C-alpha cells in the first residue's frame, strides 16, 4: 500500500509538463502501524541518488524508517550517528562547527556534533547551529522523533506518514 502511494506520487510528478528532479536529502516514513517496508525506503532513496557517487545510508526504527542520499562532500562518514541515547541523520553543512566543538576533537562528523549539542541543549541547539541542514534525531529515552531544518529549508527532507498530523 505504501509503495503504491509513493508510486502514484512519482507517476504524478513524471506526468507533469515540467520535469521535476528530486534533490538529494533525507527521506523516510513515520508510521506507528509499521506498514512501511525496506523496499519502499530504498525506492525513495533511488529517486534522490542520481549517480553512483552518492552515499546512501538508512535505518529502520520502532515507528520510522529514515535514509539519506548525498555526495560525500560535507558528510562523508556513514550515518546514522548512534550513541546510547540518540540516533542522528544529518544532511548539509555546519558553518560554525569549529566554534561549537571547541576542544572536543571526538566530534568528527556533523551528525556527531548535532548529537552532542542536542544532548546538552535539547532542541535549543538549533539556535546555536549556523549553516544549511536537515536533521532527524531519534531520542531513545523520550521515544521521540525530532525533525528539523534550517530556517530557509535549504536541504531537502521528504517524509511520508499515513497520519499527516504525526509530522
Foldseek 3Di string as FASTA:
>chain_A
DVLVVVVVVVVVQPPDPDHDQDAWFKEKEFEQVPPDDPVSVVVVNVSHADDPQWDKAWDDDNGMIMMTIDHCDQFVDHDQDDDPFKTKDKDWHFPCQCVQCPPVPVQDHPNSSVVVLCVVPNVCCLVVTDTWMWMWMQGNVVRDIDTDTRPVNPGDYHYDYPDVVND
